[in-house]
Amino acid sequence: MKKFGGPAFFIDRSDINTDEIIPAKYLTEISKQALKPHLLEDLHLPGTVFDPRSPALARANVLVTRSNFGCGSSREHAVWALEVNDINVVVAESFARIFRQNMFNCGILAVELNPGDIDRLFSLPADVSIDVDLEEEKLTAVGGDGRSVTCTFHLNRFDKKLVEAGGWLAYADLNY
């Protein structure tokens, strides 16, 4: 089974839309790989200088953010941009419905946590690593100072099977 987790990158903002995840001008690309250098290229964080080419984002396998992640247009390209950048988990208070399902269809885990748990994750110091136990439906985040936060989440049975298989196509190959 696929392992979920790894180094985390935190984006302290709600309502990050699909145009910020991958700008629309790249939607004509004919390969997922062509999207890779443009992940979060148009993301704006008020009061912060955000560098989409930061080493911390480049090594991240997990994104942690606030509510309504993936809102806006319901294009798969935004999920593909996460996929080719080795993001295998996004943790948020909530996701746009179609975006969330596109994540599961591509084998990427969408973990919804309550605002208090999200705040606890954001309180950890730099160099956070997150490990996800899909079977137990819990995640453990460990900060650079060794402090940890453990949270539980829930997935419906079908979405869990999709991500366990590696996405919709792999699930269909196994079951049909």
N, C-alpha and C. Protein backbone atom coordinates (compact mmCIF):
# COMPACT_ATOMS: atom_id res chain seq x y z
N MET A 1 0.84 -1.19 0.00
CA MET A 1 0.00 0.00 0.00
C MET A 1 0.89 1.25 0.00
N LYS A 2 0.41 2.28 -0.65
CA LYS A 2 1.12 3.55 -0.74
C LYS A 2 1.28 4.17 0.65
N LYS A 3 2.43 4.78 0.89
CA LYS A 3 2.68 5.49 2.14
C LYS A 3 2.28 6.94 1.98
N PHE A 4 1.59 7.46 2.97
CA PHE A 4 1.15 8.85 2.95
C PHE A 4 1.85 9.63 4.04
N GLY A 5 2.37 10.80 3.67
CA GLY A 5 3.03 11.65 4.63
C GLY A 5 4.38 12.11 4.13
N GLY A 6 5.12 12.74 5.03
CA GLY A 6 6.43 13.26 4.71
C GLY A 6 6.57 14.68 5.22
N PRO A 7 7.58 15.40 4.73
CA PRO A 7 7.77 16.79 5.14
C PRO A 7 6.54 17.62 4.78
N ALA A 8 6.18 18.53 5.68
CA ALA A 8 4.97 19.35 5.49
C ALA A 8 5.32 20.79 5.14
N PHE A 9 4.45 21.39 4.33
CA PHE A 9 4.55 22.80 3.99
C PHE A 9 3.24 23.45 4.39
N PHE A 10 3.31 24.55 5.13
CA PHE A 10 2.13 25.20 5.68
C PHE A 10 1.77 26.45 4.89
N ILE A 11 0.50 26.58 4.55
CA ILE A 11 -0.01 27.77 3.87
C ILE A 11 -1.17 28.29 4.71
N ASP A 12 -0.94 29.37 5.42
CA ASP A 12 -1.91 29.89 6.39
C ASP A 12 -2.93 30.81 5.70
N ARG A 13 -3.80 30.19 4.92
CA ARG A 13 -4.84 30.95 4.23
C ARG A 13 -5.98 30.03 3.84
N SER A 14 -7.18 30.56 3.86
CA SER A 14 -8.37 29.86 3.37
C SER A 14 -8.61 30.24 1.92
N ASP A 15 -9.50 29.49 1.28
CA ASP A 15 -10.00 29.81 -0.06
C ASP A 15 -8.90 29.87 -1.12
N ILE A 16 -7.97 28.94 -1.08
CA ILE A 16 -6.95 28.86 -2.14
C ILE A 16 -7.62 28.17 -3.32
N ASN A 17 -7.70 28.90 -4.43
CA ASN A 17 -8.45 28.39 -5.57
C ASN A 17 -7.56 27.68 -6.58
N THR A 18 -8.20 27.01 -7.52
CA THR A 18 -7.46 26.19 -8.48
C THR A 18 -6.57 27.04 -9.39
N ASP A 19 -6.93 28.30 -9.63
CA ASP A 19 -6.06 29.18 -10.43
C ASP A 19 -4.78 29.54 -9.67
N GLU A 20 -4.85 29.54 -8.35
CA GLU A 20 -3.65 29.78 -7.55
C GLU A 20 -2.80 28.51 -7.43
N ILE A 21 -3.44 27.36 -7.46
CA ILE A 21 -2.71 26.10 -7.39
C ILE A 21 -1.95 25.89 -8.70
N ILE A 22 -2.62 26.09 -9.82
CA ILE A 22 -1.95 26.05 -11.14
C ILE A 22 -2.63 27.11 -12.02
N PRO A 23 -1.90 28.14 -12.42
CA PRO A 23 -2.49 29.21 -13.22
C PRO A 23 -3.10 28.69 -14.53
N ALA A 24 -4.20 29.28 -14.92
CA ALA A 24 -4.95 28.86 -16.11
C ALA A 24 -4.11 28.89 -17.38
N LYS A 25 -3.11 29.75 -17.44
CA LYS A 25 -2.31 29.85 -18.67
C LYS A 25 -1.54 28.56 -18.97
N TYR A 26 -1.46 27.64 -17.99
CA TYR A 26 -0.75 26.38 -18.22
C TYR A 26 -1.69 25.21 -18.54
N LEU A 27 -2.96 25.48 -18.69
CA LEU A 27 -3.92 24.41 -18.92
C LEU A 27 -3.83 23.81 -20.32
N THR A 28 -3.06 24.41 -21.19
CA THR A 28 -2.87 23.86 -22.53
C THR A 28 -1.70 22.89 -22.59
N GLU A 29 -0.98 22.74 -21.50
CA GLU A 29 0.14 21.80 -21.47
C GLU A 29 -0.37 20.40 -21.74
N ILE A 30 0.42 19.59 -22.44
CA ILE A 30 -0.04 18.26 -22.81
C ILE A 30 0.50 17.15 -21.91
N SER A 31 1.30 17.50 -20.91
CA SER A 31 1.77 16.49 -19.96
C SER A 31 1.64 17.04 -18.54
N LYS A 32 1.43 16.14 -17.63
CA LYS A 32 1.38 16.54 -16.22
C LYS A 32 2.72 17.13 -15.80
N GLN A 33 3.80 16.54 -16.28
CA GLN A 33 5.15 16.97 -15.90
C GLN A 33 5.40 18.45 -16.23
N ALA A 34 4.77 18.93 -17.30
CA ALA A 34 4.95 20.33 -17.69
C ALA A 34 4.35 21.29 -16.65
N LEU A 35 3.46 20.80 -15.81
CA LEU A 35 2.84 21.63 -14.77
C LEU A 35 3.75 21.79 -13.55
N LYS A 36 4.70 20.91 -13.39
CA LYS A 36 5.50 20.82 -12.16
C LYS A 36 6.10 22.15 -11.70
N PRO A 37 6.78 22.91 -12.54
CA PRO A 37 7.42 24.12 -12.02
C PRO A 37 6.46 25.27 -11.70
N HIS A 38 5.18 25.09 -11.98
CA HIS A 38 4.23 26.19 -11.83
C HIS A 38 3.29 26.05 -10.64
N LEU A 39 3.50 25.03 -9.81
CA LEU A 39 2.66 24.83 -8.63
C LEU A 39 2.68 26.08 -7.75
N LEU A 40 1.50 26.57 -7.43
CA LEU A 40 1.30 27.72 -6.53
C LEU A 40 1.96 29.00 -7.02
N GLU A 41 2.25 29.06 -8.30
CA GLU A 41 2.94 30.22 -8.88
C GLU A 41 2.19 31.54 -8.67
N ASP A 42 0.87 31.51 -8.70
CA ASP A 42 0.08 32.74 -8.54
C ASP A 42 -0.54 32.88 -7.15
N LEU A 43 -0.04 32.13 -6.18
CA LEU A 43 -0.57 32.22 -4.82
C LEU A 43 -0.13 33.53 -4.18
N HIS A 44 -1.07 34.23 -3.59
CA HIS A 44 -0.78 35.48 -2.88
C HIS A 44 -1.16 35.31 -1.41
N LEU A 45 -0.23 35.61 -0.55
CA LEU A 45 -0.45 35.56 0.88
C LEU A 45 -0.25 36.97 1.43
N PRO A 46 -1.33 37.65 1.77
CA PRO A 46 -1.21 39.03 2.26
C PRO A 46 -0.23 39.15 3.42
N GLY A 47 0.64 40.14 3.32
CA GLY A 47 1.61 40.41 4.37
C GLY A 47 2.81 39.49 4.38
N THR A 48 2.92 38.65 3.37
CA THR A 48 4.01 37.67 3.31
C THR A 48 4.59 37.64 1.90
N VAL A 49 5.87 37.44 1.81
CA VAL A 49 6.50 37.21 0.51
C VAL A 49 6.52 35.70 0.32
N PHE A 50 5.75 35.21 -0.63
CA PHE A 50 5.67 33.78 -0.89
C PHE A 50 6.51 33.44 -2.10
N ASP A 51 7.38 32.46 -1.95
CA ASP A 51 8.23 32.01 -3.04
C ASP A 51 7.83 30.59 -3.43
N PRO A 52 7.14 30.42 -4.58
CA PRO A 52 6.72 29.07 -4.97
C PRO A 52 7.89 28.14 -5.31
N ARG A 53 9.09 28.68 -5.38
CA ARG A 53 10.25 27.85 -5.66
C ARG A 53 11.11 27.62 -4.41
N SER A 54 10.50 27.82 -3.25
CA SER A 54 11.25 27.64 -2.00
C SER A 54 11.65 26.18 -1.82
N PRO A 55 12.81 25.94 -1.25
CA PRO A 55 13.25 24.56 -1.00
C PRO A 55 12.28 23.79 -0.10
N ALA A 56 11.65 24.49 0.85
CA ALA A 56 10.71 23.81 1.76
C ALA A 56 9.51 23.26 0.99
N LEU A 57 9.01 24.01 0.03
CA LEU A 57 7.89 23.52 -0.79
C LEU A 57 8.38 22.40 -1.72
N ALA A 58 9.57 22.54 -2.26
CA ALA A 58 10.10 21.53 -3.19
C ALA A 58 10.26 20.17 -2.53
N ARG A 59 10.56 20.13 -1.24
CA ARG A 59 10.74 18.83 -0.59
C ARG A 59 9.48 18.33 0.12
N ALA A 60 8.43 19.13 0.12
CA ALA A 60 7.20 18.76 0.83
C ALA A 60 6.43 17.64 0.12
N ASN A 61 5.87 16.76 0.93
CA ASN A 61 4.93 15.75 0.45
C ASN A 61 3.53 16.00 1.00
N VAL A 62 3.44 16.94 1.94
CA VAL A 62 2.17 17.25 2.60
C VAL A 62 1.98 18.76 2.59
N LEU A 63 0.77 19.20 2.25
CA LEU A 63 0.39 20.61 2.40
C LEU A 63 -0.61 20.70 3.54
N VAL A 64 -0.46 21.71 4.39
CA VAL A 64 -1.42 21.98 5.46
C VAL A 64 -1.92 23.39 5.25
N THR A 65 -3.23 23.55 5.22
CA THR A 65 -3.82 24.85 4.94
C THR A 65 -5.11 25.02 5.73
N ARG A 66 -5.85 26.03 5.42
CA ARG A 66 -7.09 26.33 6.16
C ARG A 66 -8.30 25.77 5.41
N SER A 67 -9.37 26.52 5.29
CA SER A 67 -10.63 25.99 4.75
C SER A 67 -10.80 26.26 3.25
N ASN A 68 -11.66 25.45 2.64
CA ASN A 68 -12.11 25.61 1.26
C ASN A 68 -10.96 25.52 0.25
N PHE A 69 -10.05 24.59 0.47
CA PHE A 69 -8.92 24.41 -0.44
C PHE A 69 -9.43 23.83 -1.76
N GLY A 70 -8.95 24.39 -2.88
CA GLY A 70 -9.32 23.89 -4.20
C GLY A 70 -10.62 24.45 -4.73
N CYS A 71 -11.06 25.59 -4.20
CA CYS A 71 -12.29 26.21 -4.70
C CYS A 71 -12.04 26.80 -6.09
N GLY A 72 -13.09 27.24 -6.74
CA GLY A 72 -12.95 27.82 -8.07
C GLY A 72 -13.29 26.81 -9.14
N SER A 73 -12.63 26.90 -10.26
CA SER A 73 -12.89 26.01 -11.39
C SER A 73 -12.59 24.56 -11.02
N SER A 74 -13.37 23.66 -11.55
CA SER A 74 -13.22 22.24 -11.18
C SER A 74 -12.33 21.49 -12.15
N ARG A 75 -11.15 22.00 -12.37
CA ARG A 75 -10.23 21.37 -13.32
C ARG A 75 -9.29 20.40 -12.61
N GLU A 76 -8.99 19.30 -13.30
CA GLU A 76 -8.09 18.29 -12.74
C GLU A 76 -6.63 18.75 -12.73
N HIS A 77 -6.30 19.73 -13.55
CA HIS A 77 -4.91 20.19 -13.64
C HIS A 77 -4.35 20.60 -12.27
N ALA A 78 -5.19 21.18 -11.43
CA ALA A 78 -4.72 21.61 -10.11
C ALA A 78 -4.27 20.41 -9.29
N VAL A 79 -5.01 19.33 -9.35
CA VAL A 79 -4.62 18.12 -8.63
C VAL A 79 -3.38 17.51 -9.29
N TRP A 80 -3.33 17.52 -10.61
CA TRP A 80 -2.16 16.99 -11.32
C TRP A 80 -0.89 17.73 -10.92
N ALA A 81 -1.00 19.06 -10.73
CA ALA A 81 0.17 19.84 -10.32
C ALA A 81 0.66 19.41 -8.94
N LEU A 82 -0.26 19.06 -8.05
CA LEU A 82 0.14 18.52 -6.75
C LEU A 82 0.81 17.16 -6.94
N GLU A 83 0.19 16.32 -7.76
CA GLU A 83 0.68 14.97 -7.99
C GLU A 83 2.12 14.95 -8.52
N VAL A 84 2.42 15.76 -9.53
CA VAL A 84 3.76 15.73 -10.12
C VAL A 84 4.80 16.39 -9.22
N ASN A 85 4.34 17.09 -8.21
CA ASN A 85 5.25 17.67 -7.22
C ASN A 85 5.35 16.79 -5.97
N ASP A 86 4.91 15.56 -6.09
CA ASP A 86 5.01 14.56 -5.01
C ASP A 86 4.24 14.93 -3.75
N ILE A 87 3.20 15.73 -3.89
CA ILE A 87 2.30 15.99 -2.76
C ILE A 87 1.35 14.81 -2.70
N ASN A 88 1.37 14.07 -1.59
CA ASN A 88 0.49 12.91 -1.47
C ASN A 88 -0.61 13.09 -0.43
N VAL A 89 -0.56 14.20 0.33
CA VAL A 89 -1.58 14.51 1.33
C VAL A 89 -1.77 16.01 1.37
N VAL A 90 -3.04 16.43 1.43
CA VAL A 90 -3.36 17.81 1.75
C VAL A 90 -4.28 17.77 2.97
N VAL A 91 -3.91 18.54 3.99
CA VAL A 91 -4.67 18.61 5.23
C VAL A 91 -5.30 19.99 5.29
N ALA A 92 -6.62 20.03 5.49
CA ALA A 92 -7.34 21.31 5.54
C ALA A 92 -8.59 21.15 6.38
N GLU A 93 -9.19 22.29 6.72
CA GLU A 93 -10.47 22.25 7.42
C GLU A 93 -11.57 21.74 6.49
N SER A 94 -11.46 22.11 5.21
CA SER A 94 -12.46 21.67 4.22
C SER A 94 -11.87 21.84 2.83
N PHE A 95 -12.51 21.17 1.88
CA PHE A 95 -12.11 21.21 0.48
C PHE A 95 -13.33 21.52 -0.38
N ALA A 96 -13.09 22.12 -1.53
CA ALA A 96 -14.16 22.22 -2.52
C ALA A 96 -14.51 20.79 -2.92
N ARG A 97 -15.79 20.50 -3.05
CA ARG A 97 -16.27 19.12 -3.24
C ARG A 97 -15.65 18.41 -4.43
N ILE A 98 -15.68 19.03 -5.60
CA ILE A 98 -15.16 18.38 -6.81
C ILE A 98 -13.65 18.23 -6.72
N PHE A 99 -12.97 19.23 -6.20
CA PHE A 99 -11.51 19.16 -6.04
C PHE A 99 -11.14 17.99 -5.14
N ARG A 100 -11.85 17.86 -4.03
CA ARG A 100 -11.58 16.77 -3.09
C ARG A 100 -11.71 15.42 -3.79
N GLN A 101 -12.77 15.25 -4.55
CA GLN A 101 -12.96 13.97 -5.24
C GLN A 101 -11.89 13.75 -6.31
N ASN A 102 -11.48 14.82 -6.99
CA ASN A 102 -10.38 14.69 -7.95
C ASN A 102 -9.10 14.25 -7.26
N MET A 103 -8.88 14.70 -6.03
CA MET A 103 -7.70 14.26 -5.30
C MET A 103 -7.76 12.76 -5.07
N PHE A 104 -8.87 12.26 -4.58
CA PHE A 104 -9.01 10.82 -4.34
C PHE A 104 -8.87 10.05 -5.65
N ASN A 105 -9.45 10.58 -6.73
CA ASN A 105 -9.37 9.91 -8.03
C ASN A 105 -7.93 9.79 -8.53
N CYS A 106 -7.06 10.71 -8.09
CA CYS A 106 -5.64 10.67 -8.48
C CYS A 106 -4.77 9.98 -7.42
N GLY A 107 -5.39 9.47 -6.36
CA GLY A 107 -4.65 8.77 -5.33
C GLY A 107 -3.99 9.66 -4.30
N ILE A 108 -4.45 10.91 -4.22
CA ILE A 108 -3.92 11.85 -3.23
C ILE A 108 -4.91 11.93 -2.08
N LEU A 109 -4.42 11.90 -0.87
CA LEU A 109 -5.26 11.88 0.31
C LEU A 109 -5.66 13.30 0.72
N ALA A 110 -6.95 13.52 0.85
CA ALA A 110 -7.50 14.78 1.36
C ALA A 110 -7.98 14.52 2.79
N VAL A 111 -7.33 15.14 3.76
CA VAL A 111 -7.66 14.94 5.16
C VAL A 111 -8.33 16.20 5.69
N GLU A 112 -9.55 16.06 6.16
CA GLU A 112 -10.28 17.18 6.76
C GLU A 112 -10.20 17.08 8.28
N LEU A 113 -9.76 18.18 8.89
CA LEU A 113 -9.67 18.27 10.35
C LEU A 113 -10.44 19.48 10.83
N ASN A 114 -10.84 19.44 12.09
CA ASN A 114 -11.55 20.60 12.64
C ASN A 114 -10.57 21.75 12.84
N PRO A 115 -11.09 22.99 12.93
CA PRO A 115 -10.20 24.16 13.05
C PRO A 115 -9.23 24.09 14.23
N GLY A 116 -9.65 23.51 15.35
CA GLY A 116 -8.75 23.39 16.51
C GLY A 116 -7.55 22.51 16.21
N ASP A 117 -7.78 21.40 15.51
CA ASP A 117 -6.67 20.52 15.14
C ASP A 117 -5.74 21.21 14.14
N ILE A 118 -6.33 21.94 13.19
CA ILE A 118 -5.51 22.69 12.23
C ILE A 118 -4.64 23.71 12.98
N ASP A 119 -5.23 24.41 13.94
CA ASP A 119 -4.46 25.38 14.72
C ASP A 119 -3.31 24.70 15.47
N ARG A 120 -3.55 23.51 16.01
CA ARG A 120 -2.49 22.78 16.72
C ARG A 120 -1.35 22.41 15.77
N LEU A 121 -1.69 22.03 14.53
CA LEU A 121 -0.64 21.74 13.55
C LEU A 121 0.17 22.99 13.23
N PHE A 122 -0.54 24.12 13.05
CA PHE A 122 0.15 25.37 12.75
C PHE A 122 1.01 25.86 13.91
N SER A 123 0.73 25.40 15.12
CA SER A 123 1.52 25.84 16.28
C SER A 123 2.87 25.12 16.39
N LEU A 124 3.06 24.06 15.63
CA LEU A 124 4.33 23.34 15.68
C LEU A 124 5.43 24.18 15.05
N PRO A 125 6.67 24.04 15.54
CA PRO A 125 7.78 24.80 14.96
C PRO A 125 8.15 24.25 13.58
N ALA A 126 9.06 24.91 12.93
CA ALA A 126 9.48 24.55 11.56
C ALA A 126 9.95 23.10 11.47
N ASP A 127 10.09 22.66 10.22
CA ASP A 127 10.55 21.31 9.91
C ASP A 127 9.59 20.23 10.42
N VAL A 128 8.32 20.42 10.11
CA VAL A 128 7.29 19.46 10.53
C VAL A 128 7.24 18.31 9.53
N SER A 129 7.15 17.11 10.08
CA SER A 129 6.94 15.92 9.27
C SER A 129 5.63 15.29 9.72
N ILE A 130 4.84 14.84 8.77
CA ILE A 130 3.54 14.25 9.07
C ILE A 130 3.51 12.82 8.56
N ASP A 131 3.05 11.92 9.43
CA ASP A 131 2.87 10.52 9.07
C ASP A 131 1.39 10.21 9.17
N VAL A 132 0.85 9.55 8.15
CA VAL A 132 -0.56 9.21 8.13
C VAL A 132 -0.73 7.71 8.22
N ASP A 133 -1.54 7.28 9.17
CA ASP A 133 -1.94 5.88 9.28
C ASP A 133 -3.34 5.79 8.70
N LEU A 134 -3.42 5.37 7.44
CA LEU A 134 -4.70 5.34 6.74
C LEU A 134 -5.65 4.33 7.36
N GLU A 135 -5.14 3.20 7.77
CA GLU A 135 -5.99 2.16 8.37
C GLU A 135 -6.66 2.67 9.65
N GLU A 136 -5.86 3.33 10.51
CA GLU A 136 -6.38 3.85 11.78
C GLU A 136 -7.05 5.22 11.64
N GLU A 137 -6.90 5.82 10.47
CA GLU A 137 -7.44 7.16 10.19
C GLU A 137 -6.94 8.18 11.22
N LYS A 138 -5.61 8.25 11.33
CA LYS A 138 -5.01 9.25 12.20
C LYS A 138 -3.73 9.75 11.56
N LEU A 139 -3.37 10.97 11.91
CA LEU A 139 -2.10 11.52 11.45
C LEU A 139 -1.34 12.03 12.65
N THR A 140 -0.04 11.92 12.55
CA THR A 140 0.85 12.41 13.60
C THR A 140 1.84 13.36 12.96
N ALA A 141 1.90 14.56 13.51
CA ALA A 141 2.83 15.58 13.04
C ALA A 141 3.88 15.80 14.12
N VAL A 142 5.14 15.84 13.69
CA VAL A 142 6.24 16.05 14.63
C VAL A 142 7.02 17.28 14.17
N GLY A 143 7.15 18.25 15.08
CA GLY A 143 7.87 19.47 14.77
C GLY A 143 9.37 19.28 14.93
N GLY A 144 10.12 20.26 14.48
CA GLY A 144 11.58 20.21 14.55
C GLY A 144 12.12 20.10 15.96
N ASP A 145 11.33 20.50 16.94
CA ASP A 145 11.78 20.41 18.34
C ASP A 145 11.33 19.11 19.01
N GLY A 146 10.67 18.23 18.25
CA GLY A 146 10.22 16.95 18.81
C GLY A 146 8.80 16.94 19.32
N ARG A 147 8.19 18.13 19.48
CA ARG A 147 6.78 18.15 19.90
C ARG A 147 5.92 17.51 18.83
N SER A 148 4.84 16.84 19.26
CA SER A 148 3.99 16.18 18.27
C SER A 148 2.52 16.47 18.52
N VAL A 149 1.75 16.32 17.45
CA VAL A 149 0.31 16.48 17.48
C VAL A 149 -0.27 15.28 16.74
N THR A 150 -1.24 14.62 17.35
CA THR A 150 -1.93 13.50 16.71
C THR A 150 -3.40 13.87 16.56
N CYS A 151 -3.93 13.64 15.38
CA CYS A 151 -5.32 13.97 15.06
C CYS A 151 -5.96 12.77 14.36
N THR A 152 -7.26 12.62 14.58
CA THR A 152 -8.00 11.58 13.86
C THR A 152 -8.86 12.24 12.79
N PHE A 153 -9.15 11.47 11.75
CA PHE A 153 -10.00 11.95 10.65
C PHE A 153 -10.86 10.79 10.19
N HIS A 154 -11.78 11.06 9.31
CA HIS A 154 -12.64 10.00 8.78
C HIS A 154 -12.72 10.08 7.27
N LEU A 155 -12.61 8.93 6.63
CA LEU A 155 -12.83 8.81 5.19
C LEU A 155 -13.95 7.81 4.97
N ASN A 156 -14.77 8.06 3.96
CA ASN A 156 -15.74 7.01 3.65
C ASN A 156 -15.00 5.84 3.02
N ARG A 157 -15.62 4.70 3.05
CA ARG A 157 -14.96 3.46 2.63
C ARG A 157 -14.47 3.49 1.18
N PHE A 158 -15.28 4.06 0.28
CA PHE A 158 -14.90 4.09 -1.12
C PHE A 158 -13.70 5.00 -1.36
N ASP A 159 -13.70 6.19 -0.77
CA ASP A 159 -12.57 7.10 -0.94
C ASP A 159 -11.29 6.49 -0.38
N LYS A 160 -11.40 5.79 0.73
CA LYS A 160 -10.24 5.11 1.30
C LYS A 160 -9.71 4.06 0.32
N LYS A 161 -10.60 3.31 -0.30
CA LYS A 161 -10.18 2.29 -1.27
C LYS A 161 -9.52 2.94 -2.49
N LEU A 162 -10.03 4.10 -2.92
CA LEU A 162 -9.41 4.79 -4.05
C LEU A 162 -7.97 5.17 -3.76
N VAL A 163 -7.73 5.80 -2.59
CA VAL A 163 -6.36 6.23 -2.29
C VAL A 163 -5.46 5.05 -1.98
N GLU A 164 -6.00 4.00 -1.37
CA GLU A 164 -5.19 2.80 -1.11
C GLU A 164 -4.70 2.19 -2.43
N ALA A 165 -5.58 2.21 -3.44
CA ALA A 165 -5.23 1.63 -4.74
C ALA A 165 -4.29 2.51 -5.54
N GLY A 166 -4.26 3.82 -5.23
CA GLY A 166 -3.43 4.75 -6.00
C GLY A 166 -4.24 5.60 -6.96
N GLY A 167 -5.55 5.62 -6.80
CA GLY A 167 -6.42 6.43 -7.64
C GLY A 167 -7.45 5.59 -8.37
N TRP A 168 -8.32 6.29 -9.09
CA TRP A 168 -9.44 5.65 -9.76
C TRP A 168 -9.00 4.62 -10.79
N LEU A 169 -8.03 4.94 -11.63
CA LEU A 169 -7.62 3.99 -12.67
C LEU A 169 -7.05 2.72 -12.06
N ALA A 170 -6.21 2.85 -11.05
CA ALA A 170 -5.65 1.67 -10.39
C ALA A 170 -6.75 0.88 -9.69
N TYR A 171 -7.70 1.56 -9.09
CA TYR A 171 -8.83 0.89 -8.42
C TYR A 171 -9.64 0.10 -9.45
N ALA A 172 -9.91 0.71 -10.61
CA ALA A 172 -10.67 0.03 -11.65
C ALA A 172 -9.91 -1.20 -12.16
N ASP A 173 -8.60 -1.07 -12.33
CA ASP A 173 -7.80 -2.22 -12.77
C ASP A 173 -7.89 -3.38 -11.79
N LEU A 174 -7.95 -3.06 -10.50
CA LEU A 174 -8.01 -4.10 -9.48
C LEU A 174 -9.39 -4.73 -9.33
N ASN A 175 -10.42 -3.99 -9.69
CA ASN A 175 -11.78 -4.43 -9.37
C ASN A 175 -12.70 -4.70 -10.55
N TYR A 176 -12.28 -4.39 -11.76
CA TYR A 176 -13.19 -4.59 -12.90
C TYR A 176 -12.52 -5.33 -14.01
